[in-house]
Amino acid sequence: MVPETIDLQAKFAAFDGQWQPKIIAELNDYHLKLAKIKGDFIWHSHPETDELFLVVEGEMTIQFRDGATPLTRGQLCVVPRGIEHRPTAEHECHILLIEPAGTTNTGEAGGERTAPGDAWI
């Protein structure tokens, strides 16, 4: 079997909407997800897992209660488990997330921004 090539730009072009991560691949027990973001997300944490944010296109900031981490294209940040954070982007930003399968985008906060956890593209 020959593994497929995943074209990130083609995957981003295949969906609209922001703050709705789409699964593009599985790696062991992890999902690789793409998302388009703009504006402020909600404050939340993931008590059981770390979360990786990689900026594919654009700029974003991950706000923490005691500071912020700005990220630009090609930069990433690993948010440690249990740390409350809020992603934000002034302009649309395209990101790749790596997290355990079944991780809810809003963590324990829940609410109207909670995305389906099984949305593939």
N, C-alpha and C. Protein backbone atom coordinates (compact mmCIF):
# COMPACT_ATOMS: atom_id res chain seq x y z
N MET A 1 0.84 -1.19 0.00
CA MET A 1 0.00 0.00 0.00
C MET A 1 0.88 1.24 0.00
N VAL A 2 0.54 2.19 -0.84
CA VAL A 2 1.25 3.46 -0.91
C VAL A 2 0.40 4.53 -0.22
N PRO A 3 0.92 5.15 0.85
CA PRO A 3 0.14 6.20 1.53
C PRO A 3 -0.14 7.37 0.60
N GLU A 4 -1.28 7.99 0.81
CA GLU A 4 -1.66 9.14 -0.03
C GLU A 4 -0.90 10.39 0.37
N THR A 5 -0.72 11.27 -0.58
CA THR A 5 -0.17 12.60 -0.32
C THR A 5 -1.32 13.51 0.08
N ILE A 6 -1.13 14.29 1.12
CA ILE A 6 -2.16 15.22 1.55
C ILE A 6 -1.70 16.62 1.20
N ASP A 7 -2.47 17.29 0.35
CA ASP A 7 -2.18 18.65 -0.09
C ASP A 7 -2.92 19.62 0.82
N LEU A 8 -2.20 20.28 1.72
CA LEU A 8 -2.84 21.17 2.69
C LEU A 8 -3.63 22.29 2.03
N GLN A 9 -3.06 22.89 0.98
CA GLN A 9 -3.77 23.99 0.33
C GLN A 9 -5.07 23.51 -0.30
N ALA A 10 -5.06 22.33 -0.91
CA ALA A 10 -6.29 21.79 -1.49
C ALA A 10 -7.31 21.49 -0.40
N LYS A 11 -6.86 20.99 0.72
CA LYS A 11 -7.78 20.70 1.83
C LYS A 11 -8.40 21.99 2.38
N PHE A 12 -7.57 23.04 2.55
CA PHE A 12 -8.11 24.32 3.02
C PHE A 12 -9.13 24.89 2.02
N ALA A 13 -8.87 24.71 0.72
CA ALA A 13 -9.79 25.22 -0.30
C ALA A 13 -11.11 24.47 -0.33
N ALA A 14 -11.15 23.28 0.26
CA ALA A 14 -12.34 22.43 0.20
C ALA A 14 -13.39 22.75 1.27
N PHE A 15 -13.10 23.69 2.17
CA PHE A 15 -14.11 24.02 3.17
C PHE A 15 -14.10 25.50 3.51
N ASP A 16 -15.25 25.97 3.97
CA ASP A 16 -15.42 27.34 4.44
C ASP A 16 -15.76 27.28 5.92
N GLY A 17 -15.90 28.42 6.50
CA GLY A 17 -16.29 28.46 7.91
C GLY A 17 -15.07 28.50 8.81
N GLN A 18 -15.25 29.14 9.92
CA GLN A 18 -14.15 29.31 10.86
C GLN A 18 -14.47 28.60 12.17
N TRP A 19 -13.40 28.21 12.84
CA TRP A 19 -13.48 27.56 14.15
C TRP A 19 -14.16 26.20 14.08
N GLN A 20 -14.07 25.55 12.91
CA GLN A 20 -14.66 24.22 12.71
C GLN A 20 -13.57 23.27 12.20
N PRO A 21 -12.72 22.75 13.08
CA PRO A 21 -11.61 21.89 12.64
C PRO A 21 -12.09 20.68 11.83
N LYS A 22 -11.30 20.35 10.80
CA LYS A 22 -11.58 19.20 9.92
C LYS A 22 -10.41 18.23 10.01
N ILE A 23 -10.71 16.97 10.23
CA ILE A 23 -9.68 15.94 10.31
C ILE A 23 -9.17 15.64 8.90
N ILE A 24 -7.83 15.60 8.76
CA ILE A 24 -7.24 15.26 7.46
C ILE A 24 -6.43 13.97 7.51
N ALA A 25 -6.06 13.52 8.71
CA ALA A 25 -5.26 12.30 8.81
C ALA A 25 -5.26 11.80 10.25
N GLU A 26 -4.90 10.52 10.39
CA GLU A 26 -4.71 9.92 11.71
C GLU A 26 -3.26 9.49 11.82
N LEU A 27 -2.70 9.67 12.99
CA LEU A 27 -1.33 9.27 13.28
C LEU A 27 -1.37 8.57 14.63
N ASN A 28 -1.28 7.24 14.63
CA ASN A 28 -1.48 6.46 15.85
C ASN A 28 -2.84 6.83 16.44
N ASP A 29 -2.88 7.33 17.65
CA ASP A 29 -4.15 7.70 18.27
C ASP A 29 -4.42 9.20 18.20
N TYR A 30 -3.77 9.88 17.25
CA TYR A 30 -3.90 11.33 17.11
C TYR A 30 -4.61 11.69 15.81
N HIS A 31 -5.30 12.82 15.84
CA HIS A 31 -5.88 13.39 14.64
C HIS A 31 -5.09 14.63 14.25
N LEU A 32 -4.86 14.79 12.96
CA LEU A 32 -4.32 16.02 12.40
C LEU A 32 -5.51 16.75 11.81
N LYS A 33 -5.70 18.00 12.24
CA LYS A 33 -6.89 18.76 11.84
C LYS A 33 -6.47 20.10 11.25
N LEU A 34 -7.25 20.55 10.28
CA LEU A 34 -7.08 21.89 9.72
C LEU A 34 -8.24 22.74 10.19
N ALA A 35 -7.95 24.02 10.41
CA ALA A 35 -9.00 24.96 10.77
C ALA A 35 -8.67 26.33 10.20
N LYS A 36 -9.71 27.05 9.88
CA LYS A 36 -9.62 28.46 9.54
C LYS A 36 -10.13 29.22 10.74
N ILE A 37 -9.38 30.23 11.16
CA ILE A 37 -9.80 30.98 12.35
C ILE A 37 -9.75 32.47 12.07
N LYS A 38 -10.62 33.21 12.73
CA LYS A 38 -10.64 34.67 12.65
C LYS A 38 -11.44 35.17 13.85
N GLY A 39 -10.93 36.20 14.50
CA GLY A 39 -11.58 36.73 15.69
C GLY A 39 -11.10 35.99 16.92
N ASP A 40 -11.87 36.08 17.98
CA ASP A 40 -11.50 35.46 19.25
C ASP A 40 -12.28 34.17 19.45
N PHE A 41 -11.59 33.15 19.92
CA PHE A 41 -12.24 31.91 20.32
C PHE A 41 -12.62 32.06 21.79
N ILE A 42 -13.02 31.00 22.45
CA ILE A 42 -13.39 31.06 23.85
C ILE A 42 -12.22 30.60 24.72
N TRP A 43 -12.21 31.06 25.96
CA TRP A 43 -11.23 30.57 26.92
C TRP A 43 -11.59 29.12 27.25
N HIS A 44 -10.59 28.24 27.19
CA HIS A 44 -10.82 26.83 27.48
C HIS A 44 -9.50 26.14 27.81
N SER A 45 -9.59 24.91 28.28
CA SER A 45 -8.40 24.11 28.52
C SER A 45 -8.73 22.66 28.18
N HIS A 46 -7.69 21.86 28.08
CA HIS A 46 -7.81 20.43 27.83
C HIS A 46 -7.07 19.73 28.97
N PRO A 47 -7.79 19.34 30.03
CA PRO A 47 -7.14 18.78 31.23
C PRO A 47 -6.34 17.51 30.98
N GLU A 48 -6.69 16.75 29.94
CA GLU A 48 -6.06 15.45 29.72
C GLU A 48 -5.00 15.43 28.62
N THR A 49 -4.81 16.53 27.89
CA THR A 49 -3.89 16.46 26.76
C THR A 49 -3.26 17.80 26.41
N ASP A 50 -2.06 17.74 25.86
CA ASP A 50 -1.43 18.90 25.24
C ASP A 50 -2.11 19.13 23.89
N GLU A 51 -1.89 20.31 23.31
CA GLU A 51 -2.48 20.64 22.01
C GLU A 51 -1.45 21.42 21.19
N LEU A 52 -1.21 20.98 19.96
CA LEU A 52 -0.24 21.64 19.08
C LEU A 52 -0.96 22.50 18.06
N PHE A 53 -0.52 23.76 17.93
CA PHE A 53 -1.01 24.70 16.93
C PHE A 53 0.15 25.02 16.00
N LEU A 54 -0.02 24.82 14.69
CA LEU A 54 0.97 25.18 13.69
C LEU A 54 0.31 26.11 12.69
N VAL A 55 0.89 27.29 12.48
CA VAL A 55 0.33 28.25 11.53
C VAL A 55 0.82 27.89 10.12
N VAL A 56 -0.13 27.60 9.24
CA VAL A 56 0.17 27.28 7.85
C VAL A 56 0.17 28.55 7.01
N GLU A 57 -0.76 29.45 7.30
CA GLU A 57 -0.87 30.72 6.57
C GLU A 57 -1.47 31.76 7.50
N GLY A 58 -0.87 32.94 7.53
CA GLY A 58 -1.42 34.03 8.33
C GLY A 58 -0.71 34.20 9.67
N GLU A 59 -1.42 34.84 10.58
CA GLU A 59 -0.88 35.13 11.91
C GLU A 59 -1.97 34.91 12.94
N MET A 60 -1.58 34.48 14.11
CA MET A 60 -2.51 34.30 15.21
C MET A 60 -1.78 34.54 16.52
N THR A 61 -2.54 34.61 17.59
CA THR A 61 -1.99 34.71 18.93
C THR A 61 -2.73 33.72 19.80
N ILE A 62 -1.99 33.05 20.66
CA ILE A 62 -2.62 32.22 21.67
C ILE A 62 -2.49 32.98 22.98
N GLN A 63 -3.62 33.39 23.50
CA GLN A 63 -3.63 34.15 24.75
C GLN A 63 -3.68 33.18 25.92
N PHE A 64 -2.94 33.54 26.96
CA PHE A 64 -2.93 32.80 28.21
C PHE A 64 -3.30 33.79 29.30
N ARG A 65 -3.70 33.32 30.44
CA ARG A 65 -4.11 34.23 31.51
C ARG A 65 -2.98 35.12 31.98
N ASP A 66 -1.73 34.70 31.74
CA ASP A 66 -0.60 35.49 32.20
C ASP A 66 0.31 35.95 31.05
N GLY A 67 -0.22 36.00 29.83
CA GLY A 67 0.59 36.46 28.70
C GLY A 67 0.02 35.96 27.39
N ALA A 68 0.82 36.08 26.32
CA ALA A 68 0.36 35.67 24.99
C ALA A 68 1.55 35.20 24.16
N THR A 69 1.26 34.30 23.22
CA THR A 69 2.27 33.79 22.30
C THR A 69 1.82 34.10 20.87
N PRO A 70 2.49 35.06 20.21
CA PRO A 70 2.15 35.34 18.81
C PRO A 70 2.81 34.29 17.90
N LEU A 71 2.11 33.90 16.85
CA LEU A 71 2.62 32.92 15.89
C LEU A 71 2.40 33.42 14.47
N THR A 72 3.38 33.20 13.62
CA THR A 72 3.25 33.52 12.20
C THR A 72 3.51 32.24 11.40
N ARG A 73 3.35 32.34 10.09
CA ARG A 73 3.50 31.20 9.18
C ARG A 73 4.76 30.40 9.51
N GLY A 74 4.57 29.10 9.66
CA GLY A 74 5.69 28.21 9.91
C GLY A 74 6.06 28.06 11.38
N GLN A 75 5.37 28.77 12.26
CA GLN A 75 5.66 28.67 13.69
C GLN A 75 4.59 27.83 14.38
N LEU A 76 4.99 27.20 15.49
CA LEU A 76 4.04 26.40 16.24
C LEU A 76 4.20 26.63 17.73
N CYS A 77 3.18 26.23 18.45
CA CYS A 77 3.17 26.31 19.91
C CYS A 77 2.46 25.08 20.44
N VAL A 78 3.04 24.46 21.46
CA VAL A 78 2.39 23.36 22.14
C VAL A 78 1.83 23.91 23.45
N VAL A 79 0.52 23.87 23.58
CA VAL A 79 -0.14 24.32 24.80
C VAL A 79 -0.21 23.12 25.75
N PRO A 80 0.42 23.21 26.90
CA PRO A 80 0.42 22.08 27.84
C PRO A 80 -0.97 21.78 28.38
N ARG A 81 -1.20 20.53 28.67
CA ARG A 81 -2.50 20.09 29.22
C ARG A 81 -2.86 20.92 30.45
N GLY A 82 -4.15 21.23 30.54
CA GLY A 82 -4.65 21.94 31.70
C GLY A 82 -4.45 23.44 31.71
N ILE A 83 -3.72 23.98 30.73
CA ILE A 83 -3.46 25.43 30.69
C ILE A 83 -4.60 26.12 29.93
N GLU A 84 -5.25 27.07 30.58
CA GLU A 84 -6.34 27.81 29.94
C GLU A 84 -5.76 28.72 28.86
N HIS A 85 -6.40 28.71 27.69
CA HIS A 85 -5.90 29.49 26.56
C HIS A 85 -7.07 29.92 25.68
N ARG A 86 -6.77 30.92 24.82
CA ARG A 86 -7.76 31.42 23.88
C ARG A 86 -7.05 31.82 22.60
N PRO A 87 -7.23 31.05 21.51
CA PRO A 87 -6.68 31.44 20.22
C PRO A 87 -7.42 32.65 19.66
N THR A 88 -6.69 33.50 18.96
CA THR A 88 -7.29 34.67 18.34
C THR A 88 -6.52 35.02 17.07
N ALA A 89 -7.21 35.60 16.09
CA ALA A 89 -6.57 36.04 14.85
C ALA A 89 -7.31 37.26 14.32
N GLU A 90 -6.57 38.32 14.03
CA GLU A 90 -7.20 39.54 13.51
C GLU A 90 -7.75 39.31 12.10
N HIS A 91 -6.99 38.60 11.29
CA HIS A 91 -7.38 38.26 9.91
C HIS A 91 -7.45 36.74 9.82
N GLU A 92 -8.13 36.23 8.80
CA GLU A 92 -8.22 34.78 8.68
C GLU A 92 -6.84 34.14 8.68
N CYS A 93 -6.72 33.09 9.46
CA CYS A 93 -5.47 32.36 9.63
C CYS A 93 -5.78 30.87 9.43
N HIS A 94 -4.88 30.17 8.76
CA HIS A 94 -5.05 28.73 8.52
C HIS A 94 -4.08 27.99 9.43
N ILE A 95 -4.62 27.04 10.21
CA ILE A 95 -3.79 26.33 11.18
C ILE A 95 -3.94 24.82 11.05
N LEU A 96 -2.91 24.12 11.52
CA LEU A 96 -2.92 22.67 11.66
C LEU A 96 -2.87 22.38 13.15
N LEU A 97 -3.77 21.51 13.60
CA LEU A 97 -3.81 21.09 15.00
C LEU A 97 -3.45 19.61 15.08
N ILE A 98 -2.71 19.24 16.10
CA ILE A 98 -2.44 17.83 16.37
C ILE A 98 -2.85 17.57 17.80
N GLU A 99 -3.78 16.61 17.96
CA GLU A 99 -4.30 16.30 19.29
C GLU A 99 -4.87 14.88 19.28
N PRO A 100 -5.01 14.28 20.46
CA PRO A 100 -5.57 12.92 20.50
C PRO A 100 -6.95 12.86 19.85
N ALA A 101 -7.22 11.74 19.19
CA ALA A 101 -8.54 11.52 18.59
C ALA A 101 -9.60 11.71 19.66
N GLY A 102 -10.69 12.39 19.29
CA GLY A 102 -11.79 12.61 20.21
C GLY A 102 -11.69 13.87 21.04
N THR A 103 -10.60 14.64 20.88
CA THR A 103 -10.45 15.88 21.63
C THR A 103 -11.47 16.91 21.13
N THR A 104 -12.20 17.50 22.03
CA THR A 104 -13.19 18.52 21.70
C THR A 104 -12.51 19.88 21.60
N ASN A 105 -12.82 20.63 20.55
CA ASN A 105 -12.13 21.91 20.32
C ASN A 105 -12.33 22.92 21.44
N THR A 106 -13.43 22.84 22.17
CA THR A 106 -13.70 23.78 23.25
C THR A 106 -13.33 23.21 24.62
N GLY A 107 -12.67 22.06 24.64
CA GLY A 107 -12.27 21.46 25.90
C GLY A 107 -13.46 21.27 26.82
N GLU A 108 -13.27 21.60 28.10
CA GLU A 108 -14.35 21.45 29.07
C GLU A 108 -15.33 22.62 29.05
N ALA A 109 -15.03 23.68 28.29
CA ALA A 109 -15.89 24.86 28.27
C ALA A 109 -17.21 24.58 27.55
N GLY A 110 -17.17 23.75 26.49
CA GLY A 110 -18.37 23.45 25.73
C GLY A 110 -18.95 24.70 25.08
N GLY A 111 -20.24 24.70 24.79
CA GLY A 111 -20.90 25.87 24.24
C GLY A 111 -21.13 25.79 22.75
N GLU A 112 -21.62 26.90 22.19
CA GLU A 112 -22.03 26.94 20.78
C GLU A 112 -20.87 26.82 19.80
N ARG A 113 -19.66 27.05 20.22
CA ARG A 113 -18.51 26.92 19.33
C ARG A 113 -17.95 25.49 19.26
N THR A 114 -18.56 24.57 20.00
CA THR A 114 -18.09 23.18 19.97
C THR A 114 -18.36 22.59 18.59
N ALA A 115 -17.29 22.09 17.96
CA ALA A 115 -17.38 21.52 16.61
C ALA A 115 -17.54 20.00 16.70
N PRO A 116 -18.17 19.41 15.68
CA PRO A 116 -18.23 17.95 15.65
C PRO A 116 -16.81 17.38 15.66
N GLY A 117 -16.59 16.39 16.47
CA GLY A 117 -15.24 15.84 16.62
C GLY A 117 -14.86 14.84 15.56
N ASP A 118 -15.77 14.52 14.63
CA ASP A 118 -15.50 13.50 13.64
C ASP A 118 -15.63 14.02 12.20
N ALA A 119 -15.46 15.32 12.01
CA ALA A 119 -15.63 15.93 10.67
C ALA A 119 -14.35 15.77 9.85
N TRP A 120 -14.39 14.89 8.86
CA TRP A 120 -13.25 14.66 7.95
C TRP A 120 -13.41 15.52 6.71
N ILE A 121 -12.29 15.85 6.10
CA ILE A 121 -12.33 16.49 4.79
C ILE A 121 -11.30 15.83 3.90
